[in-house]
PDB file of N, CA and C in Angstrom:
ATOM      1  N   MET A   1       7.423 -22.092 -16.406  1.00  0.00           N
ATOM      2  CA  MET A   1       8.047 -22.018 -17.158  1.00  0.00           C
ATOM      3  C   MET A   1       8.148 -20.335 -16.962  1.00  0.00           C
ATOM      4  N   ARG A   2       9.436 -20.128 -17.525  1.00  0.00           N
ATOM      5  CA  ARG A   2       9.928 -18.566 -17.330  1.00  0.00           C
ATOM      6  C   ARG A   2       9.991 -17.869 -18.758  1.00  0.00           C
ATOM      7  N   ILE A   3       9.280 -16.681 -18.696  1.00  0.00           N
ATOM      8  CA  ILE A   3       9.466 -15.786 -19.674  1.00  0.00           C
ATOM      9  C   ILE A   3      10.334 -15.205 -19.526  1.00  0.00           C
ATOM     10  N   GLU A   4      10.874 -14.050 -20.684  1.00  0.00           N
ATOM     11  CA  GLU A   4      11.799 -13.189 -20.698  1.00  0.00           C
ATOM     12  C   GLU A   4      11.486 -12.222 -19.749  1.00  0.00           C
ATOM     13  N   HIS A   5      10.525 -11.657 -19.283  1.00  0.00           N
ATOM     14  CA  HIS A   5       9.912 -10.894 -18.692  1.00  0.00           C
ATOM     15  C   HIS A   5       9.997 -10.702 -17.255  1.00  0.00           C
ATOM     16  N   ASP A   6      10.613 -12.414 -16.505  1.00  0.00           N
ATOM     17  CA  ASP A   6       9.951 -12.665 -15.363  1.00  0.00           C
ATOM     18  C   ASP A   6      11.303 -12.668 -14.370  1.00  0.00           C
ATOM     19  N   ILE A   7      12.332 -12.142 -14.905  1.00  0.00           N
ATOM     20  CA  ILE A   7      13.513 -11.899 -13.899  1.00  0.00           C
ATOM     21  C   ILE A   7      14.268 -10.686 -14.331  1.00  0.00           C
ATOM     22  N   CYS A   8      14.940 -10.411 -13.304  1.00  0.00           N
ATOM     23  CA  CYS A   8      15.804  -8.882 -13.400  1.00  0.00           C
ATOM     24  C   CYS A   8      17.084  -9.171 -12.324  1.00  0.00           C
ATOM     25  N   GLU A   9      17.421  -7.862 -12.635  1.00  0.00           N
ATOM     26  CA  GLU A   9      18.695  -8.174 -11.307  1.00  0.00           C
ATOM     27  C   GLU A   9      18.580  -7.198 -10.546  1.00  0.00           C
ATOM     28  N   ALA A  10      19.024  -7.484  -9.248  1.00  0.00           N
ATOM     29  CA  ALA A  10      18.436  -6.844  -7.814  1.00  0.00           C
ATOM     30  C   ALA A  10      19.414  -6.341  -6.975  1.00  0.00           C
ATOM     31  N   ASN A  11      20.055  -5.539  -6.573  1.00  0.00           N
ATOM     32  CA  ASN A  11      21.458  -5.201  -5.798  1.00  0.00           C
ATOM     33  C   ASN A  11      20.580  -5.504  -4.382  1.00  0.00           C
ATOM     34  N   VAL A  12      21.548  -6.791  -4.320  1.00  0.00           N
ATOM     35  CA  VAL A  12      21.442  -7.212  -2.739  1.00  0.00           C
ATOM     36  C   VAL A  12      22.791  -7.190  -2.323  1.00  0.00           C
ATOM     37  N   ALA A  13      22.661  -6.431  -0.772  1.00  0.00           N
ATOM     38  CA  ALA A  13      24.081  -6.492  -0.055  1.00  0.00           C
ATOM     39  C   ALA A  13      24.953  -6.139  -1.029  1.00  0.00           C
ATOM     40  N   GLY A  14      24.880  -5.154  -1.893  1.00  0.00           N
ATOM     41  CA  GLY A  14      26.118  -4.463  -2.704  1.00  0.00           C
ATOM     42  C   GLY A  14      26.391  -5.032  -4.124  1.00  0.00           C
ATOM     43  N   GLN A  15      25.819  -6.286  -4.358  1.00  0.00           N
ATOM     44  CA  GLN A  15      25.691  -7.461  -5.464  1.00  0.00           C
ATOM     45  C   GLN A  15      24.898  -7.682  -6.372  1.00  0.00           C
ATOM     46  N   TRP A  16      25.114  -7.334  -7.568  1.00  0.00           N
ATOM     47  CA  TRP A  16      23.808  -7.370  -8.695  1.00  0.00           C
ATOM     48  C   TRP A  16      23.516  -8.905  -8.818  1.00  0.00           C
ATOM     49  N   GLN A  17      21.996  -9.488  -8.217  1.00  0.00           N
ATOM     50  CA  GLN A  17      21.970 -10.930  -8.575  1.00  0.00           C
ATOM     51  C   GLN A  17      20.892 -10.964  -9.303  1.00  0.00           C
ATOM     52  N   THR A  18      20.675 -12.087 -10.157  1.00  0.00           N
ATOM     53  CA  THR A  18      19.487 -12.332 -11.030  1.00  0.00           C
ATOM     54  C   THR A  18      18.253 -12.759 -10.270  1.00  0.00           C
ATOM     55  N   LEU A  19      17.229 -12.380  -9.983  1.00  0.00           N
ATOM     56  CA  LEU A  19      15.806 -13.001  -9.752  1.00  0.00           C
ATOM     57  C   LEU A  19      14.940 -13.256 -10.456  1.00  0.00           C
ATOM     58  N   THR A  20      13.951 -13.705  -9.841  1.00  0.00           N
ATOM     59  CA  THR A  20      12.703 -14.013 -10.416  1.00  0.00           C
ATOM     60  C   THR A  20      11.853 -13.006  -9.529  1.00  0.00           C
ATOM     61  N   ILE A  21      10.282 -12.893 -10.418  1.00  0.00           N
ATOM     62  CA  ILE A  21       9.488 -12.013 -10.549  1.00  0.00           C
ATOM     63  C   ILE A  21       8.946 -12.543  -8.864  1.00  0.00           C
ATOM     64  N   GLN A  22       8.707 -13.694  -8.722  1.00  0.00           N
ATOM     65  CA  GLN A  22       8.265 -14.406  -7.533  1.00  0.00           C
ATOM     66  C   GLN A  22       9.126 -13.979  -6.348  1.00  0.00           C
ATOM     67  N   THR A  23      10.310 -14.106  -6.196  1.00  0.00           N
ATOM     68  CA  THR A  23      10.919 -13.614  -5.443  1.00  0.00           C
ATOM     69  C   THR A  23      11.146 -12.093  -5.168  1.00  0.00           C
ATOM     70  N   VAL A  24      11.150 -11.384  -5.992  1.00  0.00           N
ATOM     71  CA  VAL A  24      11.401 -10.164  -5.872  1.00  0.00           C
ATOM     72  C   VAL A  24       9.677  -9.518  -5.151  1.00  0.00           C
ATOM     73  N   LEU A  25       8.459 -10.253  -5.341  1.00  0.00           N
ATOM     74  CA  LEU A  25       7.449  -9.870  -4.835  1.00  0.00           C
ATOM     75  C   LEU A  25       7.348 -10.075  -3.452  1.00  0.00           C
ATOM     76  N   GLY A  26       7.994 -10.928  -3.091  1.00  0.00           N
ATOM     77  CA  GLY A  26       7.866 -11.596  -1.923  1.00  0.00           C
ATOM     78  C   GLY A  26       8.721 -10.828  -0.555  1.00  0.00           C
ATOM     79  N   PHE A  27       9.730  -9.877  -1.215  1.00  0.00           N
ATOM     80  CA  PHE A  27      10.515  -9.267  -0.568  1.00  0.00           C
ATOM     81  C   PHE A  27       9.593  -8.408   0.305  1.00  0.00           C
ATOM     82  N   PRO A  28       9.793  -7.873   1.748  1.00  0.00           N
ATOM     83  CA  PRO A  28       9.100  -6.939   2.135  1.00  0.00           C
ATOM     84  C   PRO A  28       9.463  -5.640   2.005  1.00  0.00           C
ATOM     85  N   THR A  29      10.718  -5.213   1.319  1.00  0.00           N
ATOM     86  CA  THR A  29      11.331  -3.963   1.001  1.00  0.00           C
ATOM     87  C   THR A  29      11.810  -4.312  -0.490  1.00  0.00           C
ATOM     88  N   LYS A  30      11.735  -3.573  -1.248  1.00  0.00           N
ATOM     89  CA  LYS A  30      12.279  -3.740  -2.929  1.00  0.00           C
ATOM     90  C   LYS A  30      13.528  -3.182  -2.644  1.00  0.00           C
ATOM     91  N   PRO A  31      14.533  -3.958  -3.365  1.00  0.00           N
ATOM     92  CA  PRO A  31      15.979  -3.523  -3.120  1.00  0.00           C
ATOM     93  C   PRO A  31      16.095  -2.401  -5.220  1.00  0.00           C
ATOM     94  N   SER A  32      17.087  -2.223  -5.322  1.00  0.00           N
ATOM     95  CA  SER A  32      17.074  -1.276  -6.565  1.00  0.00           C
ATOM     96  C   SER A  32      16.835  -2.615  -7.528  1.00  0.00           C
ATOM     97  N   LEU A  33      16.100  -2.363  -8.785  1.00  0.00           N
ATOM     98  CA  LEU A  33      16.216  -3.491  -9.676  1.00  0.00           C
ATOM     99  C   LEU A  33      16.358  -2.891 -11.137  1.00  0.00           C
ATOM    100  N   ARG A  34      16.791  -3.679 -11.545  1.00  0.00           N
ATOM    101  CA  ARG A  34      17.718  -3.334 -13.036  1.00  0.00           C
ATOM    102  C   ARG A  34      17.303  -4.559 -14.176  1.00  0.00           C
ATOM    103  N   CYS A  35      16.842  -3.932 -15.395  1.00  0.00           N
ATOM    104  CA  CYS A  35      16.752  -4.908 -16.670  1.00  0.00           C
ATOM    105  C   CYS A  35      18.217  -5.744 -16.797  1.00  0.00           C
ATOM    106  N   VAL A  36      17.998  -7.118 -17.005  1.00  0.00           N
ATOM    107  CA  VAL A  36      19.182  -7.834 -17.245  1.00  0.00           C
ATOM    108  C   VAL A  36      19.554  -7.552 -18.890  1.00  0.00           C
ATOM    109  N   GLU A  37      19.095  -6.806 -19.551  1.00  0.00           N
ATOM    110  CA  GLU A  37      19.805  -6.409 -20.686  1.00  0.00           C
ATOM    111  C   GLU A  37      20.347  -4.866 -21.133  1.00  0.00           C
ATOM    112  N   CYS A  38      19.398  -4.081 -20.814  1.00  0.00           N
ATOM    113  CA  CYS A  38      20.014  -2.851 -20.845  1.00  0.00           C
ATOM    114  C   CYS A  38      20.422  -2.270 -19.693  1.00  0.00           C
ATOM    115  N   HIS A  39      20.215  -2.943 -18.420  1.00  0.00           N
ATOM    116  CA  HIS A  39      20.711  -2.193 -17.104  1.00  0.00           C
ATOM    117  C   HIS A  39      19.352  -1.083 -16.809  1.00  0.00           C
ATOM    118  N   GLY A  40      18.927  -0.925 -17.472  1.00  0.00           N
ATOM    119  CA  GLY A  40      17.684   0.417 -17.006  1.00  0.00           C
ATOM    120  C   GLY A  40      16.859  -0.006 -15.816  1.00  0.00           C
ATOM    121  N   PRO A  41      16.302   0.906 -15.137  1.00  0.00           N
ATOM    122  CA  PRO A  41      15.457   0.498 -13.979  1.00  0.00           C
ATOM    123  C   PRO A  41      14.214   0.040 -14.361  1.00  0.00           C
ATOM    124  N   VAL A  42      13.695  -0.856 -13.302  1.00  0.00           N
ATOM    125  CA  VAL A  42      12.498  -1.520 -13.786  1.00  0.00           C
ATOM    126  C   VAL A  42      11.755  -1.504 -12.533  1.00  0.00           C
ATOM    127  N   ARG A  43      10.206  -1.984 -12.351  1.00  0.00           N
ATOM    128  CA  ARG A  43       9.541  -2.497 -11.462  1.00  0.00           C
ATOM    129  C   ARG A  43       8.761  -3.308 -11.714  1.00  0.00           C
ATOM    130  N   PRO A  44       8.771  -4.221 -10.479  1.00  0.00           N
ATOM    131  CA  PRO A  44       7.886  -5.271 -10.608  1.00  0.00           C
ATOM    132  C   PRO A  44       5.953  -4.950 -10.507  1.00  0.00           C
ATOM    133  N   HIS A  45       5.682  -6.059 -11.417  1.00  0.00           N
ATOM    134  CA  HIS A  45       4.120  -5.706 -11.548  1.00  0.00           C
ATOM    135  C   HIS A  45       3.514  -7.320 -11.058  1.00  0.00           C
ATOM    136  N   LYS A  46       2.595  -7.109  -9.716  1.00  0.00           N
ATOM    137  CA  LYS A  46       1.954  -8.495  -9.346  1.00  0.00           C
ATOM    138  C   LYS A  46       1.250  -9.033 -10.669  1.00  0.00           C
ATOM    139  N   GLN A  47       0.635 -10.118 -10.814  1.00  0.00           N
ATOM    140  CA  GLN A  47      -0.231 -10.940 -11.460  1.00  0.00           C
ATOM    141  C   GLN A  47      -1.662  -9.927 -11.403  1.00  0.00           C
ATOM    142  N   ALA A  48      -2.506  -9.918 -12.621  1.00  0.00           N
ATOM    143  CA  ALA A  48      -3.290  -8.828 -12.539  1.00  0.00           C
ATOM    144  C   ALA A  48      -4.803  -9.649 -12.968  1.00  0.00           C
ATOM    145  N   ASN A  49      -5.903  -9.281 -12.240  1.00  0.00           N
ATOM    146  CA  ASN A  49      -7.014 -10.337 -12.644  1.00  0.00           C
ATOM    147  C   ASN A  49      -7.594 -10.268 -14.137  1.00  0.00           C
ATOM    148  N   ASN A  50      -6.876  -9.567 -14.602  1.00  0.00           N
ATOM    149  CA  ASN A  50      -7.056  -9.823 -16.103  1.00  0.00           C
ATOM    150  C   ASN A  50      -6.280 -11.059 -16.913  1.00  0.00           C
ATOM    151  N   GLY A  51      -5.739 -11.690 -16.279  1.00  0.00           N
ATOM    152  CA  GLY A  51      -5.106 -12.697 -16.653  1.00  0.00           C
ATOM    153  C   GLY A  51      -3.472 -12.564 -17.047  1.00  0.00           C
ATOM    154  N   MET A  52      -3.419 -11.045 -16.895  1.00  0.00           N
ATOM    155  CA  MET A  52      -1.620 -10.592 -17.105  1.00  0.00           C
ATOM    156  C   MET A  52      -0.466 -11.128 -15.713  1.00  0.00           C
ATOM    157  N   ARG A  53       0.278 -11.828 -16.425  1.00  0.00           N
ATOM    158  CA  ARG A  53       0.830 -12.655 -15.844  1.00  0.00           C
ATOM    159  C   ARG A  53       1.758 -11.466 -14.747  1.00  0.00           C
ATOM    160  N   ALA A  54       2.309 -11.722 -13.613  1.00  0.00           N
ATOM    161  CA  ALA A  54       3.665 -11.155 -12.986  1.00  0.00           C
ATOM    162  C   ALA A  54       4.512 -10.868 -13.799  1.00  0.00           C
ATOM    163  N   HIS A  55       5.255  -9.525 -14.102  1.00  0.00           N
ATOM    164  CA  HIS A  55       6.441  -9.160 -14.878  1.00  0.00           C
ATOM    165  C   HIS A  55       6.942  -7.746 -14.316  1.00  0.00           C
ATOM    166  N   PHE A  56       8.060  -7.528 -14.813  1.00  0.00           N
ATOM    167  CA  PHE A  56       8.826  -6.231 -14.474  1.00  0.00           C
ATOM    168  C   PHE A  56       8.607  -5.482 -15.928  1.00  0.00           C
ATOM    169  N   GLU A  57       8.883  -4.381 -15.852  1.00  0.00           N
ATOM    170  CA  GLU A  57       8.389  -3.332 -16.521  1.00  0.00           C
ATOM    171  C   GLU A  57       9.604  -2.159 -16.521  1.00  0.00           C
ATOM    172  N   HIS A  58      10.185  -1.408 -17.701  1.00  0.00           N
ATOM    173  CA  HIS A  58      11.301  -0.534 -17.695  1.00  0.00           C
ATOM    174  C   HIS A  58      10.300   0.897 -16.865  1.00  0.00           C
ATOM    175  N   ARG A  59      10.841   1.413 -16.073  1.00  0.00           N
ATOM    176  CA  ARG A  59      10.244   2.434 -15.327  1.00  0.00           C
ATOM    177  C   ARG A  59      10.442   3.540 -16.610  1.00  0.00           C
ATOM    178  N   LEU A  60      11.343   3.988 -17.354  1.00  0.00           N
ATOM    179  CA  LEU A  60      11.153   4.695 -18.447  1.00  0.00           C
ATOM    180  C   LEU A  60      11.513   3.768 -19.973  1.00  0.00           C
ATOM    181  N   ARG A  61      10.277   4.083 -20.683  1.00  0.00           N
ATOM    182  CA  ARG A  61      10.477   3.091 -21.591  1.00  0.00           C
ATOM    183  C   ARG A  61      11.961   3.213 -22.638  1.00  0.00           C
ATOM    184  N   HIS A  62      12.290   2.193 -23.399  1.00  0.00           N
ATOM    185  CA  HIS A  62      13.761   2.295 -23.707  1.00  0.00           C
ATOM    186  C   HIS A  62      13.758   1.635 -24.999  1.00  0.00           C
ATOM    187  N   ASP A  63      13.673   2.081 -26.495  1.00  0.00           N
ATOM    188  CA  ASP A  63      13.501   1.503 -27.588  1.00  0.00           C
ATOM    189  C   ASP A  63      15.088   0.648 -27.612  1.00  0.00           C
ATOM    190  N   GLY A  64      16.223   1.030 -26.991  1.00  0.00           N
ATOM    191  CA  GLY A  64      17.142   0.457 -27.433  1.00  0.00           C
ATOM    192  C   GLY A  64      17.403  -1.107 -26.356  1.00  0.00           C
ATOM    193  N   CYS A  65      16.240  -1.310 -25.848  1.00  0.00           N
ATOM    194  CA  CYS A  65      16.483  -2.909 -25.439  1.00  0.00           C
ATOM    195  C   CYS A  65      15.078  -3.788 -25.943  1.00  0.00           C
ATOM    196  N   SER A  66      15.441  -5.171 -26.174  1.00  0.00           N
ATOM    197  CA  SER A  66      14.610  -5.878 -26.995  1.00  0.00           C
ATOM    198  C   SER A  66      13.722  -6.543 -25.939  1.00  0.00           C
ATOM    199  N   ARG A  67      13.839  -6.397 -24.645  1.00  0.00           N
ATOM    200  CA  ARG A  67      12.369  -6.744 -23.316  1.00  0.00           C
ATOM    201  C   ARG A  67      11.795  -5.517 -23.461  1.00  0.00           C
ATOM    202  N   SER A  68      11.916  -4.695 -24.381  1.00  0.00           N
ATOM    203  CA  SER A  68      10.625  -3.317 -24.301  1.00  0.00           C
ATOM    204  C   SER A  68      10.006  -3.381 -25.312  1.00  0.00           C
ATOM    205  N   PRO A  69       8.429  -3.408 -25.345  1.00  0.00           N
ATOM    206  CA  PRO A  69       7.522  -3.010 -26.490  1.00  0.00           C
ATOM    207  C   PRO A  69       8.054  -2.130 -27.605  1.00  0.00           C
ATOM    208  N   LYS A  70       8.784  -1.276 -27.153  1.00  0.00           N
ATOM    209  CA  LYS A  70       9.043  -0.066 -28.172  1.00  0.00           C
ATOM    210  C   LYS A  70      10.575  -0.177 -28.840  1.00  0.00           C
ATOM    211  N   PHE A  71      11.113  -1.501 -28.486  1.00  0.00           N
ATOM    212  CA  PHE A  71      12.339  -1.993 -29.040  1.00  0.00           C
ATOM    213  C   PHE A  71      12.219  -1.619 -30.627  1.00  0.00           C
ATOM    214  N   LYS A  72      13.507  -0.759 -31.114  1.00  0.00           N
ATOM    215  CA  LYS A  72      13.581  -0.314 -32.491  1.00  0.00           C
ATOM    216  C   LYS A  72      14.377  -1.095 -33.215  1.00  0.00           C
ATOM    217  N   GLY A  73      15.223  -2.249 -32.821  1.00  0.00           N
ATOM    218  CA  GLY A  73      15.878  -3.566 -33.496  1.00  0.00           C
ATOM    219  C   GLY A  73      17.686  -3.153 -33.084  1.00  0.00           C
ATOM    220  N   SER A  74      17.509  -2.285 -32.226  1.00  0.00           N
ATOM    221  CA  SER A  74      19.476  -1.864 -32.178  1.00  0.00           C
ATOM    222  C   SER A  74      19.506  -1.821 -30.841  1.00  0.00           C
ATOM    223  N   LYS A  75      20.203  -2.733 -30.179  1.00  0.00           N
ATOM    224  CA  LYS A  75      20.392  -2.942 -28.886  1.00  0.00           C
ATOM    225  C   LYS A  75      21.302  -1.639 -28.233  1.00  0.00           C
ATOM    226  N   ALA A  76      20.694  -1.228 -27.541  1.00  0.00           N
ATOM    227  CA  ALA A  76      21.961   0.085 -26.429  1.00  0.00           C
ATOM    228  C   ALA A  76      21.719  -0.208 -25.249  1.00  0.00           C
ATOM    229  N   ARG A  77      22.484   0.406 -24.283  1.00  0.00           N
ATOM    230  CA  ARG A  77      22.397   0.839 -22.619  1.00  0.00           C
ATOM    231  C   ARG A  77      21.474   1.861 -22.350  1.00  0.00           C
ATOM    232  N   HIS A  78      20.790   1.437 -21.630  1.00  0.00           N
ATOM    233  CA  HIS A  78      19.829   2.334 -20.998  1.00  0.00           C
ATOM    234  C   HIS A  78      20.114   3.598 -20.785  1.00  0.00           C
ATOM    235  N   PRO A  79      19.510   5.113 -21.259  1.00  0.00           N
ATOM    236  CA  PRO A  79      20.227   6.248 -20.890  1.00  0.00           C
ATOM    237  C   PRO A  79      20.495   6.384 -19.112  1.00  0.00           C
ATOM    238  N   ASP A  80      19.817   5.920 -18.237  1.00  0.00           N
ATOM    239  CA  ASP A  80      19.404   5.913 -16.721  1.00  0.00           C
ATOM    240  C   ASP A  80      20.140   4.673 -16.127  1.00  0.00           C
ATOM    241  N   ALA A  81      20.912   3.718 -17.148  1.00  0.00           N
ATOM    242  CA  ALA A  81      21.482   2.310 -16.514  1.00  0.00           C
ATOM    243  C   ALA A  81      21.868   2.414 -14.755  1.00  0.00           C
ATOM    244  N   LEU A  82      21.608   1.557 -14.634  1.00  0.00           N
ATOM    245  CA  LEU A  82      22.107   1.367 -12.710  1.00  0.00           C
ATOM    246  C   LEU A  82      23.455   0.725 -12.724  1.00  0.00           C
ATOM    247  N   SER A  83      24.607   0.875 -12.623  1.00  0.00           N
ATOM    248  CA  SER A  83      25.496   0.371 -11.898  1.00  0.00           C
ATOM    249  C   SER A  83      25.588  -0.852 -10.862  1.00  0.00           C
TER     250      SER A  83
END
């Protein structure tokens, strides 16, 4: 089952591609990763022993992204968006 925080966009060979967390965690070197909604930089997190699933988190919290726990209800591009 895919949940909204287990995909991101990765810059692979100069092209943004949507990838799953499992794919990104398997890379020996991490490419530039961005949120599929606001294009802000994200980082991958492995599954934790406490039961938290593998997922992506914004590097800098952004209240303009519905994928962020700080979402304020109005979508906006991340101030540090990757192009």
